[in-house]
């Protein structure tokens, strides 16, 4: 008995329908068992999947672990306000190591007062 391509494709389609129906039934049964276990053990979404990225980020920002003890994280300091500028868009707050453009300007004969930001 020679099978044609058309016959095989019909058989494949029938088997695929049977497989889809079986999968759907099994899926329903699995979901029911999972729901029962969740209710029985009081499982939360965080228990299953961990904290959401946004929630985890907030938690990391709020608590810093040091020596096994948790404490509130220090508030991040705002960026310093520009005190000096070279007029080309480079600025420095006057705090920390002097930038190269500032050192170069002083070496070229300018005074620090010449580089102050004019309000």
C-alpha atoms as a PDB file:
ATOM      1  CA  UNK A   1       0.000   0.000   0.000  1.00  0.00           C
ATOM      2  CA  UNK A   2       1.746   3.109  -1.232  1.00  0.00           C
ATOM      3  CA  UNK A   3       1.137   6.252   0.765  1.00  0.00           C
ATOM      4  CA  UNK A   4       0.968   9.554  -0.951  1.00  0.00           C
ATOM      5  CA  UNK A   5       2.257  12.795   0.421  1.00  0.00           C
ATOM      6  CA  UNK A   6      -1.295  14.022   0.836  1.00  0.00           C
ATOM      7  CA  UNK A   7      -2.218  11.001   2.979  1.00  0.00           C
ATOM      8  CA  UNK A   8       0.806  11.502   5.234  1.00  0.00           C
ATOM      9  CA  UNK A   9       0.033  15.213   5.674  1.00  0.00           C
ATOM     10  CA  UNK A  10      -3.549  14.353   6.733  1.00  0.00           C
ATOM     11  CA  UNK A  11      -2.220  11.852   9.266  1.00  0.00           C
ATOM     12  CA  UNK A  12       0.241  14.430  10.605  1.00  0.00           C
ATOM     13  CA  UNK A  13      -2.563  16.973  10.988  1.00  0.00           C
ATOM     14  CA  UNK A  14      -4.758  14.454  12.871  1.00  0.00           C
ATOM     15  CA  UNK A  15      -1.905  13.470  15.173  1.00  0.00           C
ATOM     16  CA  UNK A  16      -1.091  17.134  15.813  1.00  0.00           C
ATOM     17  CA  UNK A  17      -4.730  17.776  16.850  1.00  0.00           C
ATOM     18  CA  UNK A  18      -4.576  14.807  19.224  1.00  0.00           C
ATOM     19  CA  UNK A  19      -1.285  16.003  20.682  1.00  0.00           C
ATOM     20  CA  UNK A  20      -2.639  19.548  21.176  1.00  0.00           C
ATOM     21  CA  UNK A  21      -5.765  18.224  22.957  1.00  0.00           C
ATOM     22  CA  UNK A  22      -3.679  15.995  25.223  1.00  0.00           C
ATOM     23  CA  UNK A  23      -1.274  18.826  26.032  1.00  0.00           C
ATOM     24  CA  UNK A  24      -4.172  21.128  26.865  1.00  0.00           C
ATOM     25  CA  UNK A  25      -5.670  18.568  29.292  1.00  0.00           C
ATOM     26  CA  UNK A  26      -2.304  17.929  30.934  1.00  0.00           C
ATOM     27  CA  UNK A  27      -1.627  21.652  31.230  1.00  0.00           C
ATOM     28  CA  UNK A  28      -4.950  22.219  32.997  1.00  0.00           C
ATOM     29  CA  UNK A  29      -4.152  19.425  35.468  1.00  0.00           C
ATOM     30  CA  UNK A  30      -0.657  20.774  36.143  1.00  0.00           C
ATOM     31  CA  UNK A  31      -1.942  24.315  36.700  1.00  0.00           C
ATOM     32  CA  UNK A  32      -4.555  23.000  39.145  1.00  0.00           C
ATOM     33  CA  UNK A  33      -1.859  21.126  41.114  1.00  0.00           C
ATOM     34  CA  UNK A  34       0.359  24.218  41.184  1.00  0.00           C
ATOM     35  CA  UNK A  35      -2.516  26.414  42.415  1.00  0.00           C
ATOM     36  CA  UNK A  36      -3.258  23.892  45.161  1.00  0.00           C
ATOM     37  CA  UNK A  37       0.392  23.862  46.279  1.00  0.00           C
ATOM     38  CA  UNK A  38       0.566  27.680  46.225  1.00  0.00           C
ATOM     39  CA  UNK A  39      -2.505  27.910  48.446  1.00  0.00           C
ATOM     40  CA  UNK A  40      -1.296  25.147  50.774  1.00  0.00           C
ATOM     41  CA  UNK A  41       2.213  26.575  51.286  1.00  0.00           C
ATOM     42  CA  UNK A  42       1.316  30.315  51.020  1.00  0.00           C
ATOM     43  CA  UNK A  43       3.798  30.759  48.172  1.00  0.00           C
ATOM     44  CA  UNK A  44       4.223  34.288  46.791  1.00  0.00           C
ATOM     45  CA  UNK A  45       5.438  35.449  43.408  1.00  0.00           C
ATOM     46  CA  UNK A  46       8.680  36.606  45.068  1.00  0.00           C
ATOM     47  CA  UNK A  47       9.158  33.070  46.444  1.00  0.00           C
ATOM     48  CA  UNK A  48       8.845  31.640  42.952  1.00  0.00           C
ATOM     49  CA  UNK A  49      10.566  34.210  40.800  1.00  0.00           C
ATOM     50  CA  UNK A  50      12.506  36.428  43.204  1.00  0.00           C
ATOM     51  CA  UNK A  51      11.806  40.104  43.622  1.00  0.00           C
ATOM     52  CA  UNK A  52      10.903  42.072  40.534  1.00  0.00           C
ATOM     53  CA  UNK A  53      13.828  44.085  39.117  1.00  0.00           C
ATOM     54  CA  UNK A  54      12.318  47.391  40.265  1.00  0.00           C
ATOM     55  CA  UNK A  55      11.595  46.057  43.762  1.00  0.00           C
ATOM     56  CA  UNK A  56      15.070  44.536  44.045  1.00  0.00           C
ATOM     57  CA  UNK A  57      16.683  47.818  42.954  1.00  0.00           C
ATOM     58  CA  UNK A  58      14.725  49.754  45.597  1.00  0.00           C
ATOM     59  CA  UNK A  59      15.759  47.225  48.226  1.00  0.00           C
ATOM     60  CA  UNK A  60      19.438  47.412  47.210  1.00  0.00           C
ATOM     61  CA  UNK A  61      19.319  51.204  47.335  1.00  0.00           C
ATOM     62  CA  UNK A  62      17.690  51.233  50.767  1.00  0.00           C
ATOM     63  CA  UNK A  63      19.901  48.720  52.549  1.00  0.00           C
ATOM     64  CA  UNK A  64      23.626  48.253  52.468  1.00  0.00           C
ATOM     65  CA  UNK A  65      24.991  45.122  54.166  1.00  0.00           C
ATOM     66  CA  UNK A  66      28.043  45.732  56.285  1.00  0.00           C
ATOM     67  CA  UNK A  67      29.519  43.170  58.618  1.00  0.00           C
ATOM     68  CA  UNK A  68      26.342  41.086  58.598  1.00  0.00           C
ATOM     69  CA  UNK A  69      24.254  44.029  59.813  1.00  0.00           C
ATOM     70  CA  UNK A  70      21.864  45.934  57.615  1.00  0.00           C
ATOM     71  CA  UNK A  71      21.745  49.721  57.694  1.00  0.00           C
ATOM     72  CA  UNK A  72      20.188  52.429  55.615  1.00  0.00           C
ATOM     73  CA  UNK A  73      22.292  53.497  52.673  1.00  0.00           C
ATOM     74  CA  UNK A  74      23.750  56.966  52.789  1.00  0.00           C
ATOM     75  CA  UNK A  75      21.957  59.412  50.548  1.00  0.00           C
ATOM     76  CA  UNK A  76      23.879  59.979  47.348  1.00  0.00           C
ATOM     77  CA  UNK A  77      25.493  63.398  47.328  1.00  0.00           C
ATOM     78  CA  UNK A  78      24.469  65.678  44.504  1.00  0.00           C
ATOM     79  CA  UNK A  79      27.100  66.523  41.925  1.00  0.00           C
ATOM     80  CA  UNK A  80      29.117  69.598  42.830  1.00  0.00           C
ATOM     81  CA  UNK A  81      28.135  72.941  41.419  1.00  0.00           C
ATOM     82  CA  UNK A  82      30.630  74.276  38.897  1.00  0.00           C
ATOM     83  CA  UNK A  83      32.930  76.895  40.404  1.00  0.00           C
ATOM     84  CA  UNK A  84      35.524  77.130  37.627  1.00  0.00           C
ATOM     85  CA  UNK A  85      35.192  76.997  33.850  1.00  0.00           C
ATOM     86  CA  UNK A  86      37.495  77.349  30.890  1.00  0.00           C
ATOM     87  CA  UNK A  87      34.823  78.856  28.654  1.00  0.00           C
ATOM     88  CA  UNK A  88      34.897  75.789  26.378  1.00  0.00           C
ATOM     89  CA  UNK A  89      32.380  73.795  28.383  1.00  0.00           C
ATOM     90  CA  UNK A  90      34.747  72.159  30.845  1.00  0.00           C
ATOM     91  CA  UNK A  91      33.976  72.841  34.487  1.00  0.00           C
ATOM     92  CA  UNK A  92      35.277  71.952  37.931  1.00  0.00           C
ATOM     93  CA  UNK A  93      33.598  72.281  41.315  1.00  0.00           C
ATOM     94  CA  UNK A  94      36.831  73.141  43.106  1.00  0.00           C
ATOM     95  CA  UNK A  95      36.661  69.903  45.091  1.00  0.00           C
ATOM     96  CA  UNK A  96      39.053  67.028  44.554  1.00  0.00           C
ATOM     97  CA  UNK A  97      42.003  66.709  42.224  1.00  0.00           C
ATOM     98  CA  UNK A  98      42.516  69.599  39.834  1.00  0.00           C
ATOM     99  CA  UNK A  99      41.656  68.681  36.254  1.00  0.00           C
ATOM    100  CA  UNK A 100      44.360  68.928  33.602  1.00  0.00           C
ATOM    101  CA  UNK A 101      42.645  71.795  31.784  1.00  0.00           C
ATOM    102  CA  UNK A 102      42.731  73.811  35.043  1.00  0.00           C
ATOM    103  CA  UNK A 103      46.428  73.040  35.640  1.00  0.00           C
ATOM    104  CA  UNK A 104      47.232  73.895  32.011  1.00  0.00           C
ATOM    105  CA  UNK A 105      45.431  77.244  32.302  1.00  0.00           C
ATOM    106  CA  UNK A 106      47.387  78.123  35.461  1.00  0.00           C
ATOM    107  CA  UNK A 107      50.628  77.092  33.769  1.00  0.00           C
ATOM    108  CA  UNK A 108      49.735  79.378  30.856  1.00  0.00           C
ATOM    109  CA  UNK A 109      49.635  82.354  33.238  1.00  0.00           C
ATOM    110  CA  UNK A 110      45.949  82.560  34.165  1.00  0.00           C
ATOM    111  CA  UNK A 111      44.881  83.031  37.753  1.00  0.00           C
ATOM    112  CA  UNK A 112      42.238  80.826  39.433  1.00  0.00           C
ATOM    113  CA  UNK A 113      40.072  83.978  39.777  1.00  0.00           C
ATOM    114  CA  UNK A 114      40.113  84.348  35.984  1.00  0.00           C
ATOM    115  CA  UNK A 115      38.485  80.926  35.653  1.00  0.00           C
ATOM    116  CA  UNK A 116      35.678  81.481  38.169  1.00  0.00           C
ATOM    117  CA  UNK A 117      32.166  80.936  36.846  1.00  0.00           C
ATOM    118  CA  UNK A 118      30.490  84.286  36.453  1.00  0.00           C
ATOM    119  CA  UNK A 119      27.004  84.320  37.893  1.00  0.00           C
END
